[in-house]
Amino acid sequence: MYLKNADEKATQELIENYQEVIEKQKGTRGVVPPGIYADYGFVLLQADRADEGKQMLQKEIALYPESEVFITRILKMIEQ
């Protein structure tokens, strides 16, 4: 998912779409696909919701440990 026009309304709709994907997971494992929490976290960071965004990035690492290197880089960038 991405934003063609990054205005407040479009950002809020994208956030709601991510929430729906997360809440209504239909996969056999019952977890979101790789990258969803990371993308959602990044959108939240861009929407000035840093605490929530960081939580989503941490969830991505918890579910997909192989993403830790990438997510750690993002976290370091936002903390500078």
Protein backbone atom coordinates (compact mmCIF):
# COMPACT_ATOMS: atom_id res chain seq x y z
CA MET A 1 0.00 0.00 0.00
CA TYR A 2 1.20 3.49 -0.70
CA LEU A 3 -0.03 7.05 -0.93
CA LYS A 4 -0.28 8.76 -4.27
CA ASN A 5 -1.26 12.03 -2.57
CA ALA A 6 0.02 12.21 0.99
CA ASP A 7 -2.58 14.50 2.50
CA GLU A 8 -4.09 13.95 5.94
CA LYS A 9 -7.24 12.24 4.65
CA ALA A 10 -5.31 9.83 2.43
CA THR A 11 -2.93 9.03 5.28
CA GLN A 12 -5.83 8.29 7.62
CA GLU A 13 -7.45 6.01 5.03
CA LEU A 14 -4.17 4.15 4.58
CA ILE A 15 -3.85 3.74 8.37
CA GLU A 16 -7.39 2.35 8.50
CA ASN A 17 -6.58 -0.08 5.67
CA TYR A 18 -3.54 -1.37 7.55
CA GLN A 19 -5.60 -1.76 10.73
CA GLU A 20 -8.18 -3.78 8.82
CA VAL A 21 -5.54 -6.06 7.29
CA ILE A 22 -4.04 -6.66 10.73
CA GLU A 23 -7.36 -7.22 12.51
CA LYS A 24 -8.90 -9.49 9.86
CA GLN A 25 -5.99 -11.81 9.16
CA LYS A 26 -7.14 -14.76 7.07
CA GLY A 27 -3.86 -16.62 6.57
CA THR A 28 -3.35 -20.16 7.79
CA ARG A 29 -0.78 -19.01 10.36
CA GLY A 30 -3.06 -16.26 11.65
CA VAL A 31 -0.36 -13.58 11.37
CA VAL A 32 0.09 -10.68 9.01
CA PRO A 33 2.31 -11.18 5.97
CA PRO A 34 5.93 -10.01 6.13
CA GLY A 35 6.34 -6.26 5.81
CA ILE A 36 2.83 -5.22 6.86
CA TYR A 37 3.81 -4.13 10.37
CA ALA A 38 6.93 -2.44 8.98
CA ASP A 39 4.99 -0.51 6.34
CA TYR A 40 2.27 0.39 8.83
CA GLY A 41 4.86 1.54 11.34
CA PHE A 42 6.55 3.70 8.74
CA VAL A 43 3.23 5.34 7.80
CA LEU A 44 2.54 6.02 11.48
CA LEU A 45 5.98 7.60 11.85
CA GLN A 46 5.26 9.87 8.90
CA ALA A 47 1.93 10.80 10.51
CA ASP A 48 3.75 11.99 13.66
CA ARG A 49 2.61 8.97 15.65
CA ALA A 50 6.13 7.88 16.62
CA ASP A 51 5.31 5.70 19.62
CA GLU A 52 2.75 3.67 17.70
CA GLY A 53 5.03 3.47 14.69
CA LYS A 54 7.90 2.12 16.78
CA GLN A 55 5.57 -0.49 18.30
CA MET A 56 4.60 -1.72 14.85
CA LEU A 57 8.24 -1.91 13.79
CA GLN A 58 9.00 -3.96 16.91
CA LYS A 59 6.09 -6.30 16.06
CA GLU A 60 7.62 -6.82 12.63
CA ILE A 61 10.88 -7.90 14.26
CA ALA A 62 9.05 -10.18 16.70
CA LEU A 63 7.22 -11.99 13.89
CA TYR A 64 9.99 -11.87 11.32
CA PRO A 65 13.40 -11.78 13.05
CA GLU A 66 15.17 -11.64 9.70
CA SER A 67 13.83 -8.08 9.32
CA GLU A 68 15.73 -6.86 12.38
CA VAL A 69 18.69 -5.41 10.44
CA PHE A 70 16.40 -3.35 8.21
CA ILE A 71 14.07 -2.24 11.02
CA THR A 72 17.00 -1.32 13.28
CA ARG A 73 18.29 1.00 10.55
CA ILE A 74 14.90 2.72 10.34
CA LEU A 75 14.75 3.12 14.14
CA LYS A 76 18.25 4.61 14.24
CA MET A 77 17.35 7.07 11.48
CA ILE A 78 14.27 8.35 13.30
CA GLU A 79 16.09 8.68 16.62
CA GLN A 80 18.71 11.03 15.15
